[in-house]
Amino acid sequence: MARIVIRNLGKSFESSDFSRSLLALIHDQDIDWMHACGGKGRCTTCKAIVLEGESMLTEYTTAESRYQKQGLLRPGERLACQVKIKGDVVIEVPDTSKFPHMTYLP
């Protein structure tokens, strides 16, 4: 069982499903998370800032590596639609992906 904490939303949940993307796990909890391309790794709108537990995430995918090389994915940022969890993580929603209808903590 792994705990996913979304710090600037003040939300956390547990999951034992290590086969699905972080985005899918977040959506399973009825938490809105930006994903303009439908979670296919074709954009960077679903990025998550990893604050703790980076070693508890799968290796970078081809799409993530491509965006890193282009400077669109910085160190500590992962695409929620591509990455899978292996253990506890603490993440944040970046400013560029925040929804206006949601309340974010400082």
PDB file of N, CA and C in Angstrom:
ATOM      1  N   MET A   1       0.852  -1.180   0.000  1.00  0.00           N
ATOM      2  CA  MET A   1       0.000   0.000   0.000  1.00  0.00           C
ATOM      3  C   MET A   1       0.896   1.240   0.000  1.00  0.00           C
ATOM      4  N   ALA A   2       0.559   2.191  -0.843  1.00  0.00           N
ATOM      5  CA  ALA A   2       1.326   3.435  -0.939  1.00  0.00           C
ATOM      6  C   ALA A   2       0.407   4.612  -0.665  1.00  0.00           C
ATOM      7  N   ARG A   3       0.975   5.637  -0.044  1.00  0.00           N
ATOM      8  CA  ARG A   3       0.236   6.863   0.236  1.00  0.00           C
ATOM      9  C   ARG A   3       0.689   7.932  -0.746  1.00  0.00           C
ATOM     10  N   ILE A   4      -0.299   8.571  -1.384  1.00  0.00           N
ATOM     11  CA  ILE A   4      -0.051   9.690  -2.291  1.00  0.00           C
ATOM     12  C   ILE A   4      -0.610  10.934  -1.616  1.00  0.00           C
ATOM     13  N   VAL A   5       0.253  11.910  -1.402  1.00  0.00           N
ATOM     14  CA  VAL A   5      -0.140  13.175  -0.784  1.00  0.00           C
ATOM     15  C   VAL A   5      -0.014  14.260  -1.843  1.00  0.00           C
ATOM     16  N   ILE A   6      -1.084  15.029  -2.022  1.00  0.00           N
ATOM     17  CA  ILE A   6      -1.046  16.193  -2.916  1.00  0.00           C
ATOM     18  C   ILE A   6      -1.058  17.407  -2.002  1.00  0.00           C
ATOM     19  N   ARG A   7       0.137  17.892  -1.701  1.00  0.00           N
ATOM     20  CA  ARG A   7       0.317  18.883  -0.642  1.00  0.00           C
ATOM     21  C   ARG A   7      -0.498  20.149  -0.843  1.00  0.00           C
ATOM     22  N   ASN A   8      -0.439  20.752  -2.027  1.00  0.00           N
ATOM     23  CA  ASN A   8      -1.128  22.032  -2.184  1.00  0.00           C
ATOM     24  C   ASN A   8      -2.630  21.895  -2.430  1.00  0.00           C
ATOM     25  N   LEU A   9      -3.132  20.678  -2.425  1.00  0.00           N
ATOM     26  CA  LEU A   9      -4.573  20.462  -2.416  1.00  0.00           C
ATOM     27  C   LEU A   9      -5.057  20.017  -1.035  1.00  0.00           C
ATOM     28  N   GLY A  10      -4.114  19.681  -0.155  1.00  0.00           N
ATOM     29  CA  GLY A  10      -4.487  19.203   1.167  1.00  0.00           C
ATOM     30  C   GLY A  10      -5.206  17.863   1.109  1.00  0.00           C
ATOM     31  N   LYS A  11      -4.842  17.047   0.116  1.00  0.00           N
ATOM     32  CA  LYS A  11      -5.498  15.748  -0.057  1.00  0.00           C
ATOM     33  C   LYS A  11      -4.468  14.632  -0.020  1.00  0.00           C
ATOM     34  N   SER A  12      -4.901  13.479   0.453  1.00  0.00           N
ATOM     35  CA  SER A  12      -4.057  12.294   0.404  1.00  0.00           C
ATOM     36  C   SER A  12      -4.954  11.072   0.295  1.00  0.00           C
ATOM     37  N   PHE A  13      -4.387  10.007  -0.243  1.00  0.00           N
ATOM     38  CA  PHE A  13      -5.108   8.746  -0.373  1.00  0.00           C
ATOM     39  C   PHE A  13      -4.102   7.615  -0.483  1.00  0.00           C
ATOM     40  N   GLU A  14      -4.592   6.404  -0.335  1.00  0.00           N
ATOM     41  CA  GLU A  14      -3.741   5.229  -0.444  1.00  0.00           C
ATOM     42  C   GLU A  14      -4.151   4.405  -1.641  1.00  0.00           C
ATOM     43  N   SER A  15      -3.179   3.704  -2.201  1.00  0.00           N
ATOM     44  CA  SER A  15      -3.457   2.808  -3.322  1.00  0.00           C
ATOM     45  C   SER A  15      -2.497   1.633  -3.267  1.00  0.00           C
ATOM     46  N   SER A  16      -2.995   0.490  -3.656  1.00  0.00           N
ATOM     47  CA  SER A  16      -2.145  -0.695  -3.786  1.00  0.00           C
ATOM     48  C   SER A  16      -2.023  -1.087  -5.256  1.00  0.00           C
ATOM     49  N   ASP A  17      -2.540  -0.244  -6.139  1.00  0.00           N
ATOM     50  CA  ASP A  17      -2.490  -0.497  -7.579  1.00  0.00           C
ATOM     51  C   ASP A  17      -1.248   0.167  -8.156  1.00  0.00           C
ATOM     52  N   PHE A  18      -0.230  -0.625  -8.401  1.00  0.00           N
ATOM     53  CA  PHE A  18       1.022  -0.097  -8.929  1.00  0.00           C
ATOM     54  C   PHE A  18       1.110  -0.254 -10.450  1.00  0.00           C
ATOM     55  N   SER A  19       0.021  -0.676 -11.063  1.00  0.00           N
ATOM     56  CA  SER A  19       0.035  -0.923 -12.504  1.00  0.00           C
ATOM     57  C   SER A  19      -0.517   0.241 -13.320  1.00  0.00           C
ATOM     58  N   ARG A  20      -1.148   1.193 -12.658  1.00  0.00           N
ATOM     59  CA  ARG A  20      -1.789   2.310 -13.367  1.00  0.00           C
ATOM     60  C   ARG A  20      -1.028   3.602 -13.136  1.00  0.00           C
ATOM     61  N   SER A  21      -1.259   4.558 -14.013  1.00  0.00           N
ATOM     62  CA  SER A  21      -0.555   5.840 -13.918  1.00  0.00           C
ATOM     63  C   SER A  21      -1.004   6.633 -12.687  1.00  0.00           C
ATOM     64  N   LEU A  22      -0.153   7.534 -12.269  1.00  0.00           N
ATOM     65  CA  LEU A  22      -0.488   8.434 -11.168  1.00  0.00           C
ATOM     66  C   LEU A  22      -1.744   9.230 -11.502  1.00  0.00           C
ATOM     67  N   LEU A  23      -1.876   9.660 -12.747  1.00  0.00           N
ATOM     68  CA  LEU A  23      -3.065  10.400 -13.180  1.00  0.00           C
ATOM     69  C   LEU A  23      -4.333   9.566 -12.976  1.00  0.00           C
ATOM     70  N   ALA A  24      -4.296   8.311 -13.362  1.00  0.00           N
ATOM     71  CA  ALA A  24      -5.466   7.435 -13.194  1.00  0.00           C
ATOM     72  C   ALA A  24      -5.806   7.262 -11.722  1.00  0.00           C
ATOM     73  N   LEU A  25      -4.788   7.103 -10.884  1.00  0.00           N
ATOM     74  CA  LEU A  25      -5.028   6.941  -9.448  1.00  0.00           C
ATOM     75  C   LEU A  25      -5.653   8.204  -8.853  1.00  0.00           C
ATOM     76  N   ILE A  26      -5.178   9.356  -9.296  1.00  0.00           N
ATOM     77  CA  ILE A  26      -5.726  10.635  -8.823  1.00  0.00           C
ATOM     78  C   ILE A  26      -7.181  10.771  -9.256  1.00  0.00           C
ATOM     79  N   HIS A  27      -7.451  10.474 -10.515  1.00  0.00           N
ATOM     80  CA  HIS A  27      -8.824  10.572 -11.015  1.00  0.00           C
ATOM     81  C   HIS A  27      -9.749   9.568 -10.340  1.00  0.00           C
ATOM     82  N   ASP A  28      -9.236   8.404  -9.948  1.00  0.00           N
ATOM     83  CA  ASP A  28     -10.039   7.422  -9.205  1.00  0.00           C
ATOM     84  C   ASP A  28     -10.580   8.007  -7.899  1.00  0.00           C
ATOM     85  N   GLN A  29      -9.883   9.007  -7.368  1.00  0.00           N
ATOM     86  CA  GLN A  29     -10.282   9.645  -6.119  1.00  0.00           C
ATOM     87  C   GLN A  29     -11.194  10.849  -6.357  1.00  0.00           C
ATOM     88  N   ASP A  30     -11.637  11.031  -7.592  1.00  0.00           N
ATOM     89  CA  ASP A  30     -12.478  12.172  -7.985  1.00  0.00           C
ATOM     90  C   ASP A  30     -11.785  13.508  -7.745  1.00  0.00           C
ATOM     91  N   ILE A  31     -10.475  13.518  -7.937  1.00  0.00           N
ATOM     92  CA  ILE A  31      -9.685  14.746  -7.833  1.00  0.00           C
ATOM     93  C   ILE A  31      -9.406  15.215  -9.255  1.00  0.00           C
ATOM     94  N   ASP A  32      -9.773  16.449  -9.555  1.00  0.00           N
ATOM     95  CA  ASP A  32      -9.504  17.009 -10.877  1.00  0.00           C
ATOM     96  C   ASP A  32      -8.011  17.243 -11.047  1.00  0.00           C
ATOM     97  N   TRP A  33      -7.481  16.835 -12.192  1.00  0.00           N
ATOM     98  CA  TRP A  33      -6.067  17.032 -12.509  1.00  0.00           C
ATOM     99  C   TRP A  33      -5.982  17.291 -14.006  1.00  0.00           C
ATOM    100  N   MET A  34      -5.328  18.353 -14.387  1.00  0.00           N
ATOM    101  CA  MET A  34      -5.223  18.765 -15.787  1.00  0.00           C
ATOM    102  C   MET A  34      -4.596  17.657 -16.644  1.00  0.00           C
ATOM    103  N   HIS A  35      -5.145  17.470 -17.847  1.00  0.00           N
ATOM    104  CA  HIS A  35      -4.574  16.534 -18.824  1.00  0.00           C
ATOM    105  C   HIS A  35      -5.157  16.837 -20.208  1.00  0.00           C
ATOM    106  N   ALA A  36      -4.586  17.792 -20.881  1.00  0.00           N
ATOM    107  CA  ALA A  36      -5.129  18.288 -22.154  1.00  0.00           C
ATOM    108  C   ALA A  36      -5.105  17.252 -23.271  1.00  0.00           C
ATOM    109  N   CYS A  37      -4.144  16.342 -23.268  1.00  0.00           N
ATOM    110  CA  CYS A  37      -4.046  15.362 -24.359  1.00  0.00           C
ATOM    111  C   CYS A  37      -4.765  14.062 -24.032  1.00  0.00           C
ATOM    112  N   GLY A  38      -5.485  14.030 -22.939  1.00  0.00           N
ATOM    113  CA  GLY A  38      -6.201  12.816 -22.572  1.00  0.00           C
ATOM    114  C   GLY A  38      -5.325  11.774 -21.908  1.00  0.00           C
ATOM    115  N   GLY A  39      -4.189  12.204 -21.364  1.00  0.00           N
ATOM    116  CA  GLY A  39      -3.308  11.282 -20.653  1.00  0.00           C
ATOM    117  C   GLY A  39      -2.498  10.378 -21.561  1.00  0.00           C
ATOM    118  N   LYS A  40      -2.106  10.900 -22.709  1.00  0.00           N
ATOM    119  CA  LYS A  40      -1.361  10.092 -23.681  1.00  0.00           C
ATOM    120  C   LYS A  40       0.118  10.463 -23.792  1.00  0.00           C
ATOM    121  N   GLY A  41       0.598  11.374 -22.928  1.00  0.00           N
ATOM    122  CA  GLY A  41       2.010  11.753 -22.975  1.00  0.00           C
ATOM    123  C   GLY A  41       2.361  12.659 -24.134  1.00  0.00           C
ATOM    124  N   ARG A  42       1.382  13.376 -24.673  1.00  0.00           N
ATOM    125  CA  ARG A  42       1.616  14.244 -25.834  1.00  0.00           C
ATOM    126  C   ARG A  42       1.708  15.718 -25.476  1.00  0.00           C
ATOM    127  N   CYS A  43       1.580  16.035 -24.193  1.00  0.00           N
ATOM    128  CA  CYS A  43       1.696  17.419 -23.745  1.00  0.00           C
ATOM    129  C   CYS A  43       2.330  17.385 -22.349  1.00  0.00           C
ATOM    130  N   THR A  44       2.361  18.483 -21.683  1.00  0.00           N
ATOM    131  CA  THR A  44       2.935  18.499 -20.329  1.00  0.00           C
ATOM    132  C   THR A  44       1.962  19.088 -19.308  1.00  0.00           C
ATOM    133  N   THR A  45       0.684  19.141 -19.645  1.00  0.00           N
ATOM    134  CA  THR A  45      -0.268  19.775 -18.735  1.00  0.00           C
ATOM    135  C   THR A  45      -0.540  18.963 -17.473  1.00  0.00           C
ATOM    136  N   CYS A  46      -0.237  17.675 -17.478  1.00  0.00           N
ATOM    137  CA  CYS A  46      -0.505  16.846 -16.299  1.00  0.00           C
ATOM    138  C   CYS A  46       0.699  16.759 -15.371  1.00  0.00           C
ATOM    139  N   LYS A  47       1.706  17.585 -15.586  1.00  0.00           N
ATOM    140  CA  LYS A  47       2.910  17.421 -14.773  1.00  0.00           C
ATOM    141  C   LYS A  47       2.625  17.608 -13.294  1.00  0.00           C
ATOM    142  N   ALA A  48       3.389  16.877 -12.517  1.00  0.00           N
ATOM    143  CA  ALA A  48       3.333  16.941 -11.056  1.00  0.00           C
ATOM    144  C   ALA A  48       4.729  17.280 -10.558  1.00  0.00           C
ATOM    145  N   ILE A  49       4.796  18.108  -9.544  1.00  0.00           N
ATOM    146  CA  ILE A  49       6.073  18.405  -8.898  1.00  0.00           C
ATOM    147  C   ILE A  49       6.249  17.396  -7.772  1.00  0.00           C
ATOM    148  N   VAL A  50       7.331  16.642  -7.814  1.00  0.00           N
ATOM    149  CA  VAL A  50       7.596  15.618  -6.806  1.00  0.00           C
ATOM    150  C   VAL A  50       8.402  16.245  -5.673  1.00  0.00           C
ATOM    151  N   LEU A  51       7.806  16.307  -4.493  1.00  0.00           N
ATOM    152  CA  LEU A  51       8.454  16.906  -3.329  1.00  0.00           C
ATOM    153  C   LEU A  51       9.181  15.868  -2.486  1.00  0.00           C
ATOM    154  N   GLU A  52       8.614  14.672  -2.405  1.00  0.00           N
ATOM    155  CA  GLU A  52       9.215  13.574  -1.647  1.00  0.00           C
ATOM    156  C   GLU A  52       8.881  12.267  -2.334  1.00  0.00           C
ATOM    157  N   GLY A  53       9.812  11.331  -2.277  1.00  0.00           N
ATOM    158  CA  GLY A  53       9.555   9.994  -2.788  1.00  0.00           C
ATOM    159  C   GLY A  53       9.871   9.787  -4.254  1.00  0.00           C
ATOM    160  N   GLU A  54      10.771  10.574  -4.794  1.00  0.00           N
ATOM    161  CA  GLU A  54      11.105  10.423  -6.216  1.00  0.00           C
ATOM    162  C   GLU A  54      11.589   9.004  -6.533  1.00  0.00           C
ATOM    163  N   SER A  55      12.266   8.375  -5.584  1.00  0.00           N
ATOM    164  CA  SER A  55      12.740   7.006  -5.801  1.00  0.00           C
ATOM    165  C   SER A  55      11.595   5.989  -5.792  1.00  0.00           C
ATOM    166  N   MET A  56      10.416   6.418  -5.391  1.00  0.00           N
ATOM    167  CA  MET A  56       9.241   5.546  -5.355  1.00  0.00           C
ATOM    168  C   MET A  56       8.416   5.646  -6.630  1.00  0.00           C
ATOM    169  N   LEU A  57       9.022   6.199  -7.681  1.00  0.00           N
ATOM    170  CA  LEU A  57       8.362   6.340  -8.978  1.00  0.00           C
ATOM    171  C   LEU A  57       9.116   5.526 -10.016  1.00  0.00           C
ATOM    172  N   THR A  58       8.408   5.103 -11.049  1.00  0.00           N
ATOM    173  CA  THR A  58       9.040   4.346 -12.121  1.00  0.00           C
ATOM    174  C   THR A  58      10.031   5.234 -12.878  1.00  0.00           C
ATOM    175  N   GLU A  59      10.857   4.597 -13.694  1.00  0.00           N
ATOM    176  CA  GLU A  59      11.839   5.316 -14.504  1.00  0.00           C
ATOM    177  C   GLU A  59      11.128   6.255 -15.480  1.00  0.00           C
ATOM    178  N   TYR A  60      11.868   7.240 -15.966  1.00  0.00           N
ATOM    179  CA  TYR A  60      11.321   8.170 -16.948  1.00  0.00           C
ATOM    180  C   TYR A  60      10.925   7.425 -18.219  1.00  0.00           C
ATOM    181  N   THR A  61       9.773   7.777 -18.755  1.00  0.00           N
ATOM    182  CA  THR A  61       9.314   7.176 -20.004  1.00  0.00           C
ATOM    183  C   THR A  61       9.950   7.919 -21.182  1.00  0.00           C
ATOM    184  N   THR A  62       9.761   7.390 -22.368  1.00  0.00           N
ATOM    185  CA  THR A  62      10.271   8.038 -23.581  1.00  0.00           C
ATOM    186  C   THR A  62       9.699   9.448 -23.711  1.00  0.00           C
ATOM    187  N   ALA A  63       8.405   9.594 -23.452  1.00  0.00           N
ATOM    188  CA  ALA A  63       7.770  10.915 -23.555  1.00  0.00           C
ATOM    189  C   ALA A  63       8.377  11.882 -22.549  1.00  0.00           C
ATOM    190  N   GLU A  64       8.575  11.433 -21.319  1.00  0.00           N
ATOM    191  CA  GLU A  64       9.156  12.310 -20.295  1.00  0.00           C
ATOM    192  C   GLU A  64      10.583  12.707 -20.661  1.00  0.00           C
ATOM    193  N   SER A  65      11.359  11.769 -21.155  1.00  0.00           N
ATOM    194  CA  SER A  65      12.742  12.073 -21.558  1.00  0.00           C
ATOM    195  C   SER A  65      12.771  13.098 -22.690  1.00  0.00           C
ATOM    196  N   ARG A  66      11.853  12.959 -23.623  1.00  0.00           N
ATOM    197  CA  ARG A  66      11.761  13.914 -24.734  1.00  0.00           C
ATOM    198  C   ARG A  66      11.475  15.323 -24.210  1.00  0.00           C
ATOM    199  N   TYR A  67      10.510  15.438 -23.288  1.00  0.00           N
ATOM    200  CA  TYR A  67      10.174  16.755 -22.745  1.00  0.00           C
ATOM    201  C   TYR A  67      11.289  17.316 -21.868  1.00  0.00           C
ATOM    202  N   GLN A  68      12.035  16.457 -21.212  1.00  0.00           N
ATOM    203  CA  GLN A  68      13.195  16.927 -20.448  1.00  0.00           C
ATOM    204  C   GLN A  68      14.216  17.554 -21.385  1.00  0.00           C
ATOM    205  N   LYS A  69      14.515  16.883 -22.473  1.00  0.00           N
ATOM    206  CA  LYS A  69      15.489  17.387 -23.445  1.00  0.00           C
ATOM    207  C   LYS A  69      15.050  18.711 -24.049  1.00  0.00           C
ATOM    208  N   GLN A  70      13.734  18.906 -24.181  1.00  0.00           N
ATOM    209  CA  GLN A  70      13.195  20.144 -24.728  1.00  0.00           C
ATOM    210  C   GLN A  70      13.094  21.247 -23.669  1.00  0.00           C
ATOM    211  N   GLY A  71      13.402  20.924 -22.423  1.00  0.00           N
ATOM    212  CA  GLY A  71      13.314  21.896 -21.339  1.00  0.00           C
ATOM    213  C   GLY A  71      11.899  22.136 -20.833  1.00  0.00           C
ATOM    214  N   LEU A  72      10.970  21.263 -21.196  1.00  0.00           N
ATOM    215  CA  LEU A  72       9.579  21.412 -20.780  1.00  0.00           C
ATOM    216  C   LEU A  72       9.242  20.634 -19.509  1.00  0.00           C
ATOM    217  N   LEU A  73      10.164  19.791 -19.089  1.00  0.00           N
ATOM    218  CA  LEU A  73      10.003  19.013 -17.869  1.00  0.00           C
ATOM    219  C   LEU A  73      11.298  19.168 -17.075  1.00  0.00           C
ATOM    220  N   ARG A  74      11.205  19.897 -15.983  1.00  0.00           N
ATOM    221  CA  ARG A  74      12.386  20.195 -15.167  1.00  0.00           C
ATOM    222  C   ARG A  74      12.665  19.081 -14.158  1.00  0.00           C
ATOM    223  N   PRO A  75      13.860  19.096 -13.571  1.00  0.00           N
ATOM    224  CA  PRO A  75      14.142  18.115 -12.519  1.00  0.00           C
ATOM    225  C   PRO A  75      13.071  18.200 -11.424  1.00  0.00           C
ATOM    226  N   GLY A  76      12.606  17.046 -10.973  1.00  0.00           N
ATOM    227  CA  GLY A  76      11.575  17.014  -9.948  1.00  0.00           C
ATOM    228  C   GLY A  76      10.161  17.088 -10.491  1.00  0.00           C
ATOM    229  N   GLU A  77      10.020  17.168 -11.806  1.00  0.00           N
ATOM    230  CA  GLU A  77       8.692  17.173 -12.423  1.00  0.00           C
ATOM    231  C   GLU A  77       8.500  15.872 -13.189  1.00  0.00           C
ATOM    232  N   ARG A  78       7.306  15.322 -13.090  1.00  0.00           N
ATOM    233  CA  ARG A  78       6.960  14.091 -13.811  1.00  0.00           C
ATOM    234  C   ARG A  78       5.605  14.265 -14.470  1.00  0.00           C
ATOM    235  N   LEU A  79       5.374  13.537 -15.537  1.00  0.00           N
ATOM    236  CA  LEU A  79       4.066  13.533 -16.183  1.00  0.00           C
ATOM    237  C   LEU A  79       3.194  12.522 -15.446  1.00  0.00           C
ATOM    238  N   ALA A  80       2.111  13.004 -14.855  1.00  0.00           N
ATOM    239  CA  ALA A  80       1.234  12.132 -14.074  1.00  0.00           C
ATOM    240  C   ALA A  80       0.618  11.029 -14.938  1.00  0.00           C
ATOM    241  N   CYS A  81       0.470  11.284 -16.229  1.00  0.00           N
ATOM    242  CA  CYS A  81      -0.121  10.274 -17.111  1.00  0.00           C
ATOM    243  C   CYS A  81       0.865   9.175 -17.470  1.00  0.00           C
ATOM    244  N   GLN A  82       2.138   9.378 -17.229  1.00  0.00           N
ATOM    245  CA  GLN A  82       3.163   8.416 -17.619  1.00  0.00           C
ATOM    246  C   GLN A  82       3.755   7.653 -16.438  1.00  0.00           C
ATOM    247  N   VAL A  83       3.919   8.324 -15.325  1.00  0.00           N
ATOM    248  CA  VAL A  83       4.620   7.747 -14.182  1.00  0.00           C
ATOM    249  C   VAL A  83       3.694   6.844 -13.368  1.00  0.00           C
ATOM    250  N   LYS A  84       4.277   5.798 -12.812  1.00  0.00           N
ATOM    251  CA  LYS A  84       3.563   4.900 -11.901  1.00  0.00           C
ATOM    252  C   LYS A  84       4.274   4.924 -10.561  1.00  0.00           C
ATOM    253  N   ILE A  85       3.527   4.675  -9.511  1.00  0.00           N
ATOM    254  CA  ILE A  85       4.105   4.709  -8.174  1.00  0.00           C
ATOM    255  C   ILE A  85       4.588   3.323  -7.765  1.00  0.00           C
ATOM    256  N   LYS A  86       5.576   3.315  -6.862  1.00  0.00           N
ATOM    257  CA  LYS A  86       6.064   2.075  -6.260  1.00  0.00           C
ATOM    258  C   LYS A  86       5.998   2.170  -4.736  1.00  0.00           C
ATOM    259  N   GLY A  87       5.668   3.359  -4.227  1.00  0.00           N
ATOM    260  CA  GLY A  87       5.623   3.598  -2.791  1.00  0.00           C
ATOM    261  C   GLY A  87       5.098   4.996  -2.520  1.00  0.00           C
ATOM    262  N   ASP A  88       5.299   5.458  -1.288  1.00  0.00           N
ATOM    263  CA  ASP A  88       4.769   6.752  -0.855  1.00  0.00           C
ATOM    264  C   ASP A  88       5.404   7.921  -1.607  1.00  0.00           C
ATOM    265  N   VAL A  89       4.567   8.881  -2.003  1.00  0.00           N
ATOM    266  CA  VAL A  89       5.049  10.091  -2.666  1.00  0.00           C
ATOM    267  C   VAL A  89       4.271  11.304  -2.171  1.00  0.00           C
ATOM    268  N   VAL A  90       4.946  12.445  -2.224  1.00  0.00           N
ATOM    269  CA  VAL A  90       4.323  13.738  -1.941  1.00  0.00           C
ATOM    270  C   VAL A  90       4.532  14.588  -3.178  1.00  0.00           C
ATOM    271  N   ILE A  91       3.421  15.094  -3.728  1.00  0.00           N
ATOM    272  CA  ILE A  91       3.480  15.881  -4.957  1.00  0.00           C
ATOM    273  C   ILE A  91       2.729  17.191  -4.779  1.00  0.00           C
ATOM    274  N   GLU A  92       2.885  18.066  -5.769  1.00  0.00           N
ATOM    275  CA  GLU A  92       2.124  19.315  -5.838  1.00  0.00           C
ATOM    276  C   GLU A  92       1.671  19.531  -7.271  1.00  0.00           C
ATOM    277  N   VAL A  93       0.611  20.298  -7.402  1.00  0.00           N
ATOM    278  CA  VAL A  93       0.156  20.758  -8.704  1.00  0.00           C
ATOM    279  C   VAL A  93       0.959  22.017  -9.034  1.00  0.00           C
ATOM    280  N   PRO A  94       1.638  22.070 -10.191  1.00  0.00           N
ATOM    281  CA  PRO A  94       2.355  23.297 -10.544  1.00  0.00           C
ATOM    282  C   PRO A  94       1.382  24.432 -10.845  1.00  0.00           C
ATOM    283  N   ASP A  95       1.847  25.650 -10.680  1.00  0.00           N
ATOM    284  CA  ASP A  95       1.007  26.826 -10.934  1.00  0.00           C
ATOM    285  C   ASP A  95       0.397  26.804 -12.329  1.00  0.00           C
ATOM    286  N   THR A  96       1.153  26.326 -13.306  1.00  0.00           N
ATOM    287  CA  THR A  96       0.687  26.337 -14.697  1.00  0.00           C
ATOM    288  C   THR A  96      -0.446  25.350 -14.956  1.00  0.00           C
ATOM    289  N   SER A  97      -0.700  24.442 -14.036  1.00  0.00           N
ATOM    290  CA  SER A  97      -1.739  23.421 -14.232  1.00  0.00           C
ATOM    291  C   SER A  97      -2.886  23.519 -13.239  1.00  0.00           C
ATOM    292  N   LYS A  98      -2.959  24.613 -12.525  1.00  0.00           N
ATOM    293  CA  LYS A  98      -4.021  24.771 -11.530  1.00  0.00           C
ATOM    294  C   LYS A  98      -5.331  25.154 -12.200  1.00  0.00           C
ATOM    295  N   PHE A  99      -6.408  24.565 -11.695  1.00  0.00           N
ATOM    296  CA  PHE A  99      -7.752  24.879 -12.167  1.00  0.00           C
ATOM    297  C   PHE A  99      -8.316  26.054 -11.378  1.00  0.00           C
ATOM    298  N   PRO A 100      -9.066  26.938 -12.029  1.00  0.00           N
ATOM    299  CA  PRO A 100      -9.642  28.089 -11.312  1.00  0.00           C
ATOM    300  C   PRO A 100     -10.749  27.702 -10.321  1.00  0.00           C
ATOM    301  N   HIS A 101     -11.379  26.559 -10.500  1.00  0.00           N
ATOM    302  CA  HIS A 101     -12.478  26.169  -9.629  1.00  0.00           C
ATOM    303  C   HIS A 101     -12.018  25.422  -8.365  1.00  0.00           C
ATOM    304  N   MET A 102     -10.719  25.236  -8.222  1.00  0.00           N
ATOM    305  CA  MET A 102     -10.212  24.497  -7.071  1.00  0.00           C
ATOM    306  C   MET A 102      -9.449  25.433  -6.143  1.00  0.00           C
ATOM    307  N   THR A 103      -9.423  25.088  -4.875  1.00  0.00           N
ATOM    308  CA  THR A 103      -8.701  25.864  -3.868  1.00  0.00           C
ATOM    309  C   THR A 103      -7.373  25.175  -3.576  1.00  0.00           C
ATOM    310  N   TYR A 104      -6.299  25.912  -3.723  1.00  0.00           N
ATOM    311  CA  TYR A 104      -4.955  25.386  -3.486  1.00  0.00           C
ATOM    312  C   TYR A 104      -4.366  26.046  -2.243  1.00  0.00           C
ATOM    313  N   LEU A 105      -3.620  25.272  -1.500  1.00  0.00           N
ATOM    314  CA  LEU A 105      -2.947  25.765  -0.312  1.00  0.00           C
ATOM    315  C   LEU A 105      -1.630  26.425  -0.711  1.00  0.00           C
ATOM    316  N   PRO A 106      -1.158  27.384   0.099  1.00  0.00           N
ATOM    317  CA  PRO A 106       0.133  28.025  -0.244  1.00  0.00           C
ATOM    318  C   PRO A 106       1.299  27.071  -0.069  1.00  0.00           C
TER     319      PRO A 106
END
